[in-house]
Amino acid sequence: MKLENTLSIPVAVEDAWRVLLDVERVAPCVPGATLTGSDGDEHRGRIKVKLGPIGLTYNGTVTFLSRDERNRVVVLEAGGREARGNGTAKALVTCRLTDAGDDRTDIHVETELNVTGKPAQFGRGTLAEVSGALMDRFAENLAAELAADSRKPAELSAHPAAEERSAHPAASDGTTAAPLDLIDATGAGALKRAVPIALAAALLILALGLRGRRRHHR
């Protein structure tokens, strides 16, 4: 199954490439995500989702296949599994950054997705709807992070150390992110569809949030 998503963020493409490779800055923007570890080019993360009183956890891994800094293209392989179920998903994800003009960047995400378990029962349109809603939330959070920086140039110069801590919260210090509320993210109309395909959608978000760890791995 092939999915295509486009995100837009309010920053020039040259800066967007650097920002999106800064995992400690980007990870807090990923809904419900927590970074859990790295081993070479393989990186691990966890997403918690909430549906009313029901809580679900998905564990995923992302492995880099290639990164073309000149053309701003990254290709990665991702896999995930429901922590207390048998739903799984694997994906080949290609991300391309393009200049959208007026200091904006479009992030084009092409995904070849294979799913098993309950997510496999649903069609491409349903999966695209839910994954698109979650990616939109990620883009909104990232845009808010960038906008906050642009409003505080004077404070950044006057208090660089404090501002650096505020603008770049730690993403891998053991802090667990708040669960992603699926009702809030996808709307009540998509409620029944959101639960069984949350694994696949969460996997795509994990891929976006984890792809910067190759540069920052120590």
N, C-alpha and C. Protein backbone atom coordinates (compact mmCIF):
# COMPACT_ATOMS: atom_id res chain seq x y z
N MET A 1 0.84 -1.18 0.00
CA MET A 1 0.00 0.00 0.00
C MET A 1 0.88 1.24 0.00
N LYS A 2 0.61 2.18 -0.91
CA LYS A 2 1.40 3.40 -0.98
C LYS A 2 0.62 4.57 -0.42
N LEU A 3 1.26 5.33 0.46
CA LEU A 3 0.67 6.53 1.05
C LEU A 3 1.55 7.72 0.73
N GLU A 4 0.93 8.87 0.52
CA GLU A 4 1.67 10.10 0.27
C GLU A 4 1.14 11.19 1.19
N ASN A 5 2.03 11.89 1.85
CA ASN A 5 1.67 13.00 2.73
C ASN A 5 2.61 14.15 2.46
N THR A 6 2.11 15.38 2.62
CA THR A 6 2.95 16.57 2.50
C THR A 6 2.74 17.44 3.72
N LEU A 7 3.83 17.78 4.39
CA LEU A 7 3.81 18.68 5.53
C LEU A 7 4.45 19.99 5.11
N SER A 8 4.03 21.08 5.69
CA SER A 8 4.61 22.38 5.40
C SER A 8 5.01 23.04 6.71
N ILE A 9 6.25 23.56 6.77
CA ILE A 9 6.72 24.23 7.97
C ILE A 9 7.27 25.61 7.61
N PRO A 10 7.14 26.59 8.51
CA PRO A 10 7.50 27.98 8.22
C PRO A 10 8.97 28.29 8.43
N VAL A 11 9.83 27.68 7.62
CA VAL A 11 11.26 27.94 7.71
C VAL A 11 11.88 27.64 6.35
N ALA A 12 12.95 28.36 5.99
CA ALA A 12 13.63 28.14 4.72
C ALA A 12 14.16 26.71 4.64
N VAL A 13 14.26 26.19 3.41
CA VAL A 13 14.60 24.78 3.23
C VAL A 13 15.98 24.44 3.80
N GLU A 14 16.93 25.37 3.69
CA GLU A 14 18.27 25.09 4.24
C GLU A 14 18.21 24.89 5.74
N ASP A 15 17.42 25.72 6.41
CA ASP A 15 17.28 25.59 7.86
C ASP A 15 16.41 24.40 8.24
N ALA A 16 15.41 24.11 7.40
CA ALA A 16 14.51 23.00 7.70
C ALA A 16 15.27 21.68 7.74
N TRP A 17 16.22 21.50 6.83
CA TRP A 17 17.01 20.26 6.83
C TRP A 17 17.75 20.09 8.15
N ARG A 18 18.35 21.18 8.62
CA ARG A 18 19.09 21.10 9.88
C ARG A 18 18.15 20.88 11.06
N VAL A 19 17.01 21.58 11.05
CA VAL A 19 16.06 21.45 12.15
C VAL A 19 15.53 20.02 12.25
N LEU A 20 15.18 19.45 11.11
CA LEU A 20 14.58 18.12 11.12
C LEU A 20 15.59 17.02 11.42
N LEU A 21 16.87 17.35 11.39
CA LEU A 21 17.89 16.39 11.80
C LEU A 21 18.30 16.58 13.26
N ASP A 22 17.69 17.55 13.92
CA ASP A 22 17.97 17.82 15.33
C ASP A 22 16.93 17.08 16.16
N VAL A 23 17.23 15.85 16.52
CA VAL A 23 16.24 15.00 17.17
C VAL A 23 15.76 15.57 18.49
N GLU A 24 16.64 16.23 19.24
CA GLU A 24 16.24 16.76 20.54
C GLU A 24 15.27 17.92 20.41
N ARG A 25 15.24 18.53 19.25
CA ARG A 25 14.29 19.60 19.01
C ARG A 25 12.99 19.08 18.41
N VAL A 26 13.11 18.10 17.52
CA VAL A 26 11.94 17.61 16.80
C VAL A 26 11.11 16.63 17.62
N ALA A 27 11.77 15.77 18.39
CA ALA A 27 11.05 14.71 19.09
C ALA A 27 9.89 15.20 19.96
N PRO A 28 10.04 16.32 20.70
CA PRO A 28 8.90 16.78 21.50
C PRO A 28 7.69 17.19 20.67
N CYS A 29 7.89 17.38 19.35
CA CYS A 29 6.78 17.76 18.47
C CYS A 29 6.00 16.56 17.96
N VAL A 30 6.55 15.36 18.15
CA VAL A 30 5.90 14.14 17.66
C VAL A 30 4.83 13.71 18.67
N PRO A 31 3.56 13.66 18.26
CA PRO A 31 2.48 13.35 19.21
C PRO A 31 2.67 12.02 19.91
N GLY A 32 2.75 12.06 21.23
CA GLY A 32 2.80 10.84 22.03
C GLY A 32 4.08 10.05 21.99
N ALA A 33 5.14 10.58 21.36
CA ALA A 33 6.35 9.79 21.12
C ALA A 33 7.41 9.98 22.20
N THR A 34 8.15 8.91 22.46
CA THR A 34 9.30 8.93 23.37
C THR A 34 10.44 8.16 22.72
N LEU A 35 11.63 8.74 22.67
CA LEU A 35 12.80 8.04 22.17
C LEU A 35 13.30 7.09 23.26
N THR A 36 13.63 5.86 22.88
CA THR A 36 14.02 4.87 23.88
C THR A 36 15.43 4.32 23.72
N GLY A 37 16.08 4.52 22.58
CA GLY A 37 17.45 4.02 22.46
C GLY A 37 17.93 3.93 21.04
N SER A 38 19.25 3.67 20.88
CA SER A 38 19.88 3.55 19.57
C SER A 38 20.93 2.45 19.61
N ASP A 39 21.14 1.84 18.45
CA ASP A 39 22.20 0.85 18.29
C ASP A 39 22.70 0.96 16.85
N GLY A 40 23.78 1.73 16.65
CA GLY A 40 24.25 1.99 15.30
C GLY A 40 23.23 2.80 14.53
N ASP A 41 22.83 2.29 13.36
CA ASP A 41 21.86 2.99 12.53
C ASP A 41 20.42 2.60 12.86
N GLU A 42 20.23 1.75 13.86
CA GLU A 42 18.88 1.38 14.27
C GLU A 42 18.49 2.17 15.51
N HIS A 43 17.30 2.75 15.46
CA HIS A 43 16.84 3.62 16.54
C HIS A 43 15.44 3.19 16.96
N ARG A 44 15.18 3.29 18.25
CA ARG A 44 13.95 2.77 18.81
C ARG A 44 13.11 3.89 19.44
N GLY A 45 11.81 3.72 19.35
CA GLY A 45 10.91 4.70 19.94
C GLY A 45 9.61 4.05 20.35
N ARG A 46 8.81 4.81 21.08
CA ARG A 46 7.54 4.31 21.59
C ARG A 46 6.50 5.41 21.45
N ILE A 47 5.30 5.04 21.03
CA ILE A 47 4.19 5.98 20.98
C ILE A 47 3.04 5.45 21.82
N LYS A 48 2.53 6.30 22.69
CA LYS A 48 1.35 5.96 23.48
C LYS A 48 0.16 6.73 22.95
N VAL A 49 -0.95 6.03 22.76
CA VAL A 49 -2.17 6.67 22.30
C VAL A 49 -3.28 6.40 23.30
N LYS A 50 -4.26 7.31 23.31
CA LYS A 50 -5.36 7.21 24.27
C LYS A 50 -6.68 7.34 23.54
N LEU A 51 -7.62 6.51 23.89
CA LEU A 51 -8.97 6.57 23.35
C LEU A 51 -9.93 6.50 24.52
N GLY A 52 -10.30 7.68 25.05
CA GLY A 52 -11.09 7.70 26.26
C GLY A 52 -10.31 7.04 27.38
N PRO A 53 -10.88 6.01 28.04
CA PRO A 53 -10.18 5.33 29.13
C PRO A 53 -9.17 4.28 28.64
N ILE A 54 -9.15 4.02 27.34
CA ILE A 54 -8.29 2.97 26.80
C ILE A 54 -6.93 3.54 26.41
N GLY A 55 -5.86 2.89 26.87
CA GLY A 55 -4.51 3.30 26.50
C GLY A 55 -3.82 2.22 25.70
N LEU A 56 -3.14 2.59 24.62
CA LEU A 56 -2.41 1.65 23.78
C LEU A 56 -0.98 2.12 23.63
N THR A 57 -0.05 1.16 23.53
CA THR A 57 1.36 1.49 23.34
C THR A 57 1.89 0.75 22.12
N TYR A 58 2.62 1.47 21.28
CA TYR A 58 3.23 0.88 20.09
C TYR A 58 4.74 1.09 20.15
N ASN A 59 5.49 0.01 19.93
CA ASN A 59 6.95 0.09 19.90
C ASN A 59 7.42 0.00 18.46
N GLY A 60 8.41 0.82 18.09
CA GLY A 60 8.87 0.82 16.72
C GLY A 60 10.37 1.00 16.60
N THR A 61 10.91 0.61 15.45
CA THR A 61 12.32 0.82 15.14
C THR A 61 12.43 1.48 13.78
N VAL A 62 13.47 2.28 13.61
CA VAL A 62 13.74 2.94 12.33
C VAL A 62 15.20 2.71 11.99
N THR A 63 15.47 2.27 10.75
CA THR A 63 16.83 2.04 10.29
C THR A 63 17.09 2.87 9.04
N PHE A 64 18.18 3.63 9.03
CA PHE A 64 18.51 4.44 7.86
C PHE A 64 19.06 3.58 6.74
N LEU A 65 18.53 3.79 5.53
CA LEU A 65 19.06 3.14 4.34
C LEU A 65 19.95 4.09 3.55
N SER A 66 19.57 5.36 3.46
CA SER A 66 20.39 6.35 2.77
C SER A 66 19.96 7.75 3.18
N ARG A 67 20.90 8.69 3.01
CA ARG A 67 20.58 10.10 3.26
C ARG A 67 21.37 10.93 2.27
N ASP A 68 20.67 11.72 1.47
CA ASP A 68 21.27 12.58 0.44
C ASP A 68 21.12 14.02 0.90
N GLU A 69 22.15 14.52 1.56
CA GLU A 69 22.06 15.88 2.11
C GLU A 69 21.99 16.93 1.02
N ARG A 70 22.68 16.69 -0.09
CA ARG A 70 22.69 17.67 -1.17
C ARG A 70 21.29 17.88 -1.75
N ASN A 71 20.57 16.79 -1.98
CA ASN A 71 19.21 16.88 -2.53
C ASN A 71 18.13 16.85 -1.45
N ARG A 72 18.56 16.75 -0.20
CA ARG A 72 17.65 16.76 0.95
C ARG A 72 16.61 15.64 0.85
N VAL A 73 17.13 14.43 0.69
CA VAL A 73 16.29 13.24 0.62
C VAL A 73 16.82 12.20 1.59
N VAL A 74 15.94 11.60 2.36
CA VAL A 74 16.34 10.53 3.27
C VAL A 74 15.41 9.34 3.06
N VAL A 75 15.99 8.14 3.04
CA VAL A 75 15.22 6.91 2.88
C VAL A 75 15.46 6.04 4.10
N LEU A 76 14.39 5.53 4.67
CA LEU A 76 14.53 4.71 5.87
C LEU A 76 13.52 3.58 5.86
N GLU A 77 13.83 2.58 6.68
CA GLU A 77 12.95 1.44 6.85
C GLU A 77 12.46 1.43 8.28
N ALA A 78 11.16 1.27 8.45
CA ALA A 78 10.58 1.32 9.79
C ALA A 78 9.73 0.09 10.04
N GLY A 79 9.67 -0.31 11.31
CA GLY A 79 8.83 -1.43 11.70
C GLY A 79 8.25 -1.18 13.08
N GLY A 80 7.06 -1.68 13.32
CA GLY A 80 6.43 -1.45 14.62
C GLY A 80 5.48 -2.57 14.99
N ARG A 81 5.18 -2.64 16.29
CA ARG A 81 4.29 -3.69 16.80
C ARG A 81 3.52 -3.14 18.00
N GLU A 82 2.24 -3.53 18.07
CA GLU A 82 1.44 -3.18 19.24
C GLU A 82 2.00 -3.93 20.44
N ALA A 83 2.22 -3.22 21.55
CA ALA A 83 2.87 -3.82 22.72
C ALA A 83 2.06 -4.98 23.30
N ARG A 84 0.72 -4.89 23.26
CA ARG A 84 -0.12 -5.94 23.86
C ARG A 84 -1.07 -6.54 22.83
N GLY A 85 -0.63 -6.63 21.61
CA GLY A 85 -1.47 -7.19 20.57
C GLY A 85 -0.61 -7.79 19.48
N ASN A 86 -1.25 -8.19 18.37
CA ASN A 86 -0.49 -8.82 17.30
C ASN A 86 -0.43 -7.98 16.04
N GLY A 87 -0.88 -6.73 16.11
CA GLY A 87 -0.80 -5.87 14.95
C GLY A 87 0.63 -5.44 14.67
N THR A 88 1.05 -5.53 13.40
CA THR A 88 2.40 -5.13 13.02
C THR A 88 2.33 -4.27 11.76
N ALA A 89 3.42 -3.56 11.51
CA ALA A 89 3.52 -2.77 10.29
C ALA A 89 4.99 -2.61 9.92
N LYS A 90 5.25 -2.64 8.62
CA LYS A 90 6.58 -2.35 8.09
C LYS A 90 6.44 -1.32 6.99
N ALA A 91 7.42 -0.44 6.89
CA ALA A 91 7.31 0.63 5.91
C ALA A 91 8.67 1.02 5.35
N LEU A 92 8.67 1.35 4.06
CA LEU A 92 9.81 1.98 3.42
C LEU A 92 9.41 3.43 3.20
N VAL A 93 10.11 4.35 3.84
CA VAL A 93 9.71 5.75 3.87
C VAL A 93 10.76 6.61 3.17
N THR A 94 10.32 7.44 2.23
CA THR A 94 11.19 8.40 1.55
C THR A 94 10.70 9.81 1.85
N CYS A 95 11.57 10.64 2.41
CA CYS A 95 11.23 12.02 2.74
C CYS A 95 12.03 12.96 1.86
N ARG A 96 11.35 13.90 1.20
CA ARG A 96 12.00 14.89 0.35
C ARG A 96 11.62 16.29 0.82
N LEU A 97 12.61 17.14 0.98
CA LEU A 97 12.37 18.53 1.36
C LEU A 97 12.49 19.41 0.13
N THR A 98 11.51 20.30 -0.08
CA THR A 98 11.55 21.22 -1.22
C THR A 98 11.24 22.63 -0.75
N ASP A 99 11.81 23.59 -1.47
CA ASP A 99 11.61 25.01 -1.16
C ASP A 99 10.23 25.43 -1.64
N ALA A 100 9.38 25.88 -0.72
CA ALA A 100 8.02 26.31 -1.06
C ALA A 100 7.92 27.81 -1.23
N GLY A 101 9.06 28.54 -1.11
CA GLY A 101 9.04 29.99 -1.23
C GLY A 101 8.58 30.68 0.03
N ASP A 102 8.89 31.97 0.13
CA ASP A 102 8.48 32.77 1.29
C ASP A 102 8.92 32.13 2.60
N ASP A 103 10.15 31.61 2.61
CA ASP A 103 10.70 31.00 3.82
C ASP A 103 9.82 29.88 4.36
N ARG A 104 9.35 29.04 3.45
CA ARG A 104 8.59 27.86 3.84
C ARG A 104 9.18 26.63 3.15
N THR A 105 9.01 25.48 3.80
CA THR A 105 9.51 24.22 3.26
C THR A 105 8.40 23.18 3.26
N ASP A 106 8.28 22.46 2.15
CA ASP A 106 7.37 21.33 2.09
C ASP A 106 8.15 20.04 2.30
N ILE A 107 7.61 19.16 3.12
CA ILE A 107 8.21 17.85 3.37
C ILE A 107 7.29 16.81 2.73
N HIS A 108 7.78 16.17 1.68
CA HIS A 108 6.99 15.17 0.97
C HIS A 108 7.37 13.78 1.50
N VAL A 109 6.39 13.05 1.96
CA VAL A 109 6.62 11.74 2.56
C VAL A 109 5.91 10.67 1.72
N GLU A 110 6.68 9.78 1.13
CA GLU A 110 6.13 8.65 0.38
C GLU A 110 6.41 7.37 1.15
N THR A 111 5.37 6.59 1.36
CA THR A 111 5.48 5.40 2.21
C THR A 111 4.93 4.17 1.51
N GLU A 112 5.76 3.14 1.42
CA GLU A 112 5.29 1.82 0.99
C GLU A 112 5.04 1.02 2.26
N LEU A 113 3.78 0.73 2.53
CA LEU A 113 3.38 0.19 3.83
C LEU A 113 2.81 -1.21 3.71
N ASN A 114 3.27 -2.10 4.58
CA ASN A 114 2.70 -3.44 4.69
C ASN A 114 2.24 -3.64 6.13
N VAL A 115 0.98 -4.04 6.30
CA VAL A 115 0.42 -4.18 7.64
C VAL A 115 -0.19 -5.57 7.81
N THR A 116 -0.22 -6.03 9.06
CA THR A 116 -0.87 -7.29 9.40
C THR A 116 -1.79 -7.04 10.59
N GLY A 117 -2.65 -8.01 10.87
CA GLY A 117 -3.57 -7.84 11.98
C GLY A 117 -4.73 -6.94 11.59
N LYS A 118 -5.34 -6.29 12.56
CA LYS A 118 -6.52 -5.47 12.31
C LYS A 118 -6.29 -4.35 11.30
N PRO A 119 -5.13 -3.67 11.30
CA PRO A 119 -4.94 -2.60 10.31
C PRO A 119 -5.10 -3.08 8.87
N ALA A 120 -4.79 -4.34 8.59
CA ALA A 120 -4.87 -4.86 7.22
C ALA A 120 -6.31 -4.95 6.72
N GLN A 121 -7.29 -4.86 7.61
CA GLN A 121 -8.69 -4.98 7.22
C GLN A 121 -9.23 -3.69 6.63
N PHE A 122 -8.47 -2.62 6.72
CA PHE A 122 -8.96 -1.32 6.30
C PHE A 122 -8.26 -0.87 5.03
N GLY A 123 -8.97 -0.09 4.23
CA GLY A 123 -8.45 0.34 2.94
C GLY A 123 -7.50 1.52 3.03
N ARG A 124 -6.93 1.84 1.87
CA ARG A 124 -5.95 2.91 1.78
C ARG A 124 -6.54 4.25 2.23
N GLY A 125 -7.79 4.52 1.84
CA GLY A 125 -8.40 5.80 2.17
C GLY A 125 -8.51 6.02 3.67
N THR A 126 -8.91 4.99 4.39
CA THR A 126 -9.04 5.11 5.84
C THR A 126 -7.69 5.31 6.50
N LEU A 127 -6.71 4.52 6.09
CA LEU A 127 -5.37 4.65 6.65
C LEU A 127 -4.78 6.02 6.35
N ALA A 128 -4.99 6.51 5.13
CA ALA A 128 -4.47 7.82 4.76
C ALA A 128 -5.11 8.92 5.60
N GLU A 129 -6.41 8.77 5.89
CA GLU A 129 -7.11 9.78 6.69
C GLU A 129 -6.52 9.92 8.08
N VAL A 130 -6.32 8.78 8.74
CA VAL A 130 -5.82 8.83 10.11
C VAL A 130 -4.35 9.23 10.16
N SER A 131 -3.53 8.64 9.28
CA SER A 131 -2.11 9.00 9.28
C SER A 131 -1.92 10.47 8.92
N GLY A 132 -2.76 10.97 8.00
CA GLY A 132 -2.67 12.38 7.64
C GLY A 132 -3.00 13.29 8.81
N ALA A 133 -4.02 12.92 9.59
CA ALA A 133 -4.38 13.73 10.75
C ALA A 133 -3.25 13.78 11.77
N LEU A 134 -2.59 12.64 11.99
CA LEU A 134 -1.50 12.62 12.96
C LEU A 134 -0.28 13.39 12.45
N MET A 135 -0.01 13.30 11.16
CA MET A 135 1.10 14.07 10.60
C MET A 135 0.82 15.56 10.64
N ASP A 136 -0.44 15.93 10.42
CA ASP A 136 -0.80 17.35 10.53
C ASP A 136 -0.53 17.87 11.94
N ARG A 137 -0.82 17.05 12.94
CA ARG A 137 -0.57 17.47 14.32
C ARG A 137 0.94 17.66 14.55
N PHE A 138 1.74 16.76 14.01
CA PHE A 138 3.20 16.89 14.11
C PHE A 138 3.65 18.20 13.46
N ALA A 139 3.14 18.50 12.27
CA ALA A 139 3.53 19.73 11.56
C ALA A 139 3.12 20.97 12.35
N GLU A 140 1.93 20.94 12.95
CA GLU A 140 1.47 22.08 13.75
C GLU A 140 2.39 22.30 14.95
N ASN A 141 2.76 21.23 15.62
CA ASN A 141 3.64 21.35 16.79
C ASN A 141 5.01 21.89 16.39
N LEU A 142 5.54 21.41 15.26
CA LEU A 142 6.84 21.87 14.81
C LEU A 142 6.78 23.34 14.39
N ALA A 143 5.70 23.73 13.71
CA ALA A 143 5.53 25.13 13.32
C ALA A 143 5.47 26.04 14.54
N ALA A 144 4.77 25.59 15.59
CA ALA A 144 4.68 26.38 16.81
C ALA A 144 6.05 26.53 17.47
N GLU A 145 6.85 25.46 17.44
CA GLU A 145 8.20 25.51 17.99
C GLU A 145 9.06 26.51 17.24
N LEU A 146 8.98 26.51 15.90
CA LEU A 146 9.77 27.43 15.09
C LEU A 146 9.28 28.86 15.27
N ALA A 147 7.96 29.05 15.35
CA ALA A 147 7.41 30.39 15.54
C ALA A 147 7.82 30.97 16.87
N ALA A 148 7.87 30.15 17.91
CA ALA A 148 8.28 30.62 19.23
C ALA A 148 9.70 31.14 19.19
N ASP A 149 10.57 30.47 18.45
CA ASP A 149 11.95 30.92 18.32
C ASP A 149 12.03 32.27 17.62
N SER A 150 11.25 32.41 16.54
CA SER A 150 11.33 33.63 15.74
C SER A 150 10.81 34.85 16.48
N ARG A 151 9.97 34.64 17.50
CA ARG A 151 9.42 35.78 18.25
C ARG A 151 10.36 36.25 19.35
N LYS A 152 11.46 35.53 19.60
CA LYS A 152 12.29 35.86 20.75
C LYS A 152 13.75 36.11 20.40
N PRO A 153 14.05 36.84 19.31
CA PRO A 153 15.46 37.06 18.99
C PRO A 153 16.20 37.85 20.04
N ALA A 154 15.51 38.82 20.65
CA ALA A 154 16.17 39.65 21.66
C ALA A 154 16.49 38.82 22.90
N GLU A 155 15.54 37.99 23.32
CA GLU A 155 15.77 37.15 24.50
C GLU A 155 16.87 36.14 24.23
N LEU A 156 16.94 35.66 23.00
CA LEU A 156 17.97 34.69 22.65
C LEU A 156 19.36 35.29 22.80
N SER A 157 19.50 36.57 22.41
CA SER A 157 20.80 37.23 22.52
C SER A 157 21.12 37.57 23.97
N ALA A 158 20.11 37.97 24.72
CA ALA A 158 20.34 38.40 26.10
C ALA A 158 20.56 37.22 27.05
N HIS A 159 19.86 36.11 26.78
CA HIS A 159 19.94 34.95 27.68
C HIS A 159 20.12 33.68 26.87
N PRO A 160 21.25 33.51 26.20
CA PRO A 160 21.44 32.35 25.31
C PRO A 160 21.33 31.01 26.01
N ALA A 161 21.87 30.86 27.19
CA ALA A 161 21.85 29.55 27.85
C ALA A 161 20.44 29.15 28.24
N ALA A 162 19.70 30.09 28.84
CA ALA A 162 18.34 29.78 29.26
C ALA A 162 17.45 29.52 28.06
N GLU A 163 17.62 30.33 27.00
CA GLU A 163 16.78 30.15 25.82
C GLU A 163 17.08 28.84 25.13
N GLU A 164 18.35 28.44 25.13
CA GLU A 164 18.71 27.17 24.51
C GLU A 164 18.01 26.01 25.21
N ARG A 165 17.95 26.06 26.55
CA ARG A 165 17.27 24.98 27.28
C ARG A 165 15.79 24.97 26.99
N SER A 166 15.20 26.18 26.85
CA SER A 166 13.77 26.26 26.60
C SER A 166 13.41 25.81 25.20
N ALA A 167 14.23 26.23 24.20
CA ALA A 167 13.92 25.94 22.81
C ALA A 167 14.20 24.50 22.44
N HIS A 168 15.11 23.84 23.18
CA HIS A 168 15.50 22.48 22.83
C HIS A 168 15.35 21.54 24.02
N PRO A 169 14.10 21.23 24.41
CA PRO A 169 13.91 20.33 25.54
C PRO A 169 14.49 18.96 25.25
N ALA A 170 15.01 18.32 26.29
CA ALA A 170 15.62 17.01 26.10
C ALA A 170 14.58 16.00 25.66
N ALA A 171 14.94 15.17 24.65
CA ALA A 171 14.01 14.17 24.13
C ALA A 171 14.40 12.76 24.53
N SER A 172 15.61 12.58 25.02
CA SER A 172 16.07 11.22 25.32
C SER A 172 16.58 11.10 26.74
N ASP A 173 16.00 11.89 27.66
CA ASP A 173 16.46 11.88 29.04
C ASP A 173 15.60 10.99 29.92
N GLY A 174 14.78 10.14 29.29
CA GLY A 174 13.93 9.24 30.06
C GLY A 174 12.53 9.77 30.28
N THR A 175 12.26 11.02 29.91
CA THR A 175 10.94 11.60 30.07
C THR A 175 9.98 10.95 29.09
N THR A 176 8.81 10.58 29.58
CA THR A 176 7.80 9.95 28.73
C THR A 176 6.81 11.00 28.26
N ALA A 177 6.54 11.02 26.96
CA ALA A 177 5.61 11.99 26.40
C ALA A 177 4.19 11.66 26.82
N ALA A 178 3.34 12.70 26.86
CA ALA A 178 1.93 12.48 27.14
C ALA A 178 1.31 11.67 26.01
N PRO A 179 0.36 10.78 26.31
CA PRO A 179 -0.26 9.96 25.26
C PRO A 179 -0.95 10.83 24.21
N LEU A 180 -0.95 10.36 22.97
CA LEU A 180 -1.67 11.02 21.89
C LEU A 180 -3.15 10.69 22.02
N ASP A 181 -3.99 11.72 22.12
CA ASP A 181 -5.43 11.54 22.23
C ASP A 181 -6.00 11.38 20.83
N LEU A 182 -6.42 10.17 20.47
CA LEU A 182 -6.90 9.92 19.11
C LEU A 182 -8.21 10.62 18.82
N ILE A 183 -9.06 10.79 19.83
CA ILE A 183 -10.32 11.49 19.60
C ILE A 183 -10.03 12.94 19.22
N ASP A 184 -9.10 13.55 19.94
CA ASP A 184 -8.75 14.94 19.67
C ASP A 184 -8.04 15.07 18.33
N ALA A 185 -7.17 14.12 18.00
CA ALA A 185 -6.35 14.22 16.79
C ALA A 185 -7.11 13.91 15.52
N THR A 186 -8.03 12.94 15.56
CA THR A 186 -8.69 12.50 14.33
C THR A 186 -10.16 12.87 14.25
N GLY A 187 -10.75 13.28 15.37
CA GLY A 187 -12.16 13.60 15.36
C GLY A 187 -13.02 12.38 15.66
N ALA A 188 -14.18 12.61 16.23
CA ALA A 188 -15.04 11.50 16.63
C ALA A 188 -15.50 10.67 15.45
N GLY A 189 -15.61 11.29 14.27
CA GLY A 189 -16.06 10.56 13.09
C GLY A 189 -15.14 9.44 12.69
N ALA A 190 -13.86 9.59 12.99
CA ALA A 190 -12.87 8.56 12.62
C ALA A 190 -12.54 7.65 13.80
N LEU A 191 -13.31 7.75 14.86
CA LEU A 191 -12.98 7.07 16.10
C LEU A 191 -12.81 5.56 15.93
N LYS A 192 -13.80 4.90 15.38
CA LYS A 192 -13.73 3.44 15.26
C LYS A 192 -12.61 3.01 14.33
N ARG A 193 -12.33 3.83 13.31
CA ARG A 193 -11.27 3.49 12.38
C ARG A 193 -9.90 3.75 12.98
N ALA A 194 -9.82 4.74 13.87
CA ALA A 194 -8.51 5.16 14.37
C ALA A 194 -7.85 4.10 15.23
N VAL A 195 -8.63 3.38 16.02
CA VAL A 195 -8.03 2.42 16.95
C VAL A 195 -7.28 1.31 16.23
N PRO A 196 -7.90 0.58 15.30
CA PRO A 196 -7.18 -0.54 14.70
C PRO A 196 -6.06 -0.15 13.77
N ILE A 197 -6.04 1.07 13.25
CA ILE A 197 -4.95 1.44 12.34
C ILE A 197 -3.97 2.41 12.98
N ALA A 198 -4.10 2.63 14.28
CA ALA A 198 -3.18 3.55 14.94
C ALA A 198 -1.73 3.08 14.84
N LEU A 199 -1.51 1.77 14.81
CA LEU A 199 -0.15 1.25 14.71
C LEU A 199 0.53 1.76 13.45
N ALA A 200 -0.13 1.63 12.31
CA ALA A 200 0.50 2.06 11.06
C ALA A 200 0.72 3.56 11.04
N ALA A 201 -0.26 4.32 11.51
CA ALA A 201 -0.10 5.77 11.53
C ALA A 201 1.00 6.19 12.48
N ALA A 202 1.03 5.56 13.65
CA ALA A 202 2.07 5.89 14.63
C ALA A 202 3.45 5.56 14.09
N LEU A 203 3.55 4.50 13.31
CA LEU A 203 4.83 4.12 12.73
C LEU A 203 5.38 5.21 11.82
N LEU A 204 4.52 5.83 11.04
CA LEU A 204 4.97 6.90 10.16
C LEU A 204 5.46 8.10 10.96
N ILE A 205 4.76 8.41 12.04
CA ILE A 205 5.19 9.52 12.89
C ILE A 205 6.52 9.19 13.54
N LEU A 206 6.69 7.94 13.99
CA LEU A 206 7.97 7.54 14.56
C LEU A 206 9.10 7.74 13.57
N ALA A 207 8.85 7.41 12.32
CA ALA A 207 9.89 7.57 11.30
C ALA A 207 10.29 9.02 11.15
N LEU A 208 9.32 9.93 11.17
CA LEU A 208 9.64 11.35 11.08
C LEU A 208 10.44 11.81 12.28
N GLY A 209 10.02 11.36 13.47
CA GLY A 209 10.67 11.86 14.68
C GLY A 209 12.03 11.26 14.95
N LEU A 210 12.28 10.04 14.46
CA LEU A 210 13.53 9.37 14.79
C LEU A 210 14.61 9.55 13.75
N ARG A 211 14.30 10.07 12.58
CA ARG A 211 15.27 10.02 11.51
C ARG A 211 16.50 10.87 11.76
N GLY A 212 16.42 11.83 12.71
CA GLY A 212 17.60 12.64 12.99
C GLY A 212 18.64 11.98 13.85
N ARG A 213 18.35 10.82 14.45
CA ARG A 213 19.26 10.26 15.43
C ARG A 213 20.57 9.75 14.84
N ARG A 214 20.64 9.54 13.54
CA ARG A 214 21.89 9.04 12.96
C ARG A 214 23.00 10.06 13.15
N ARG A 215 22.68 11.32 12.93
CA ARG A 215 23.71 12.35 13.08
C ARG A 215 24.07 12.55 14.53
N HIS A 216 23.10 12.38 15.44
CA HIS A 216 23.34 12.71 16.84
C HIS A 216 23.72 11.50 17.68
N HIS A 217 23.82 10.32 17.05
CA HIS A 217 24.19 9.13 17.83
C HIS A 217 25.61 9.26 18.38
N ARG A 218 25.77 8.91 19.63
CA ARG A 218 27.09 8.98 20.26
C ARG A 218 27.53 7.57 20.64
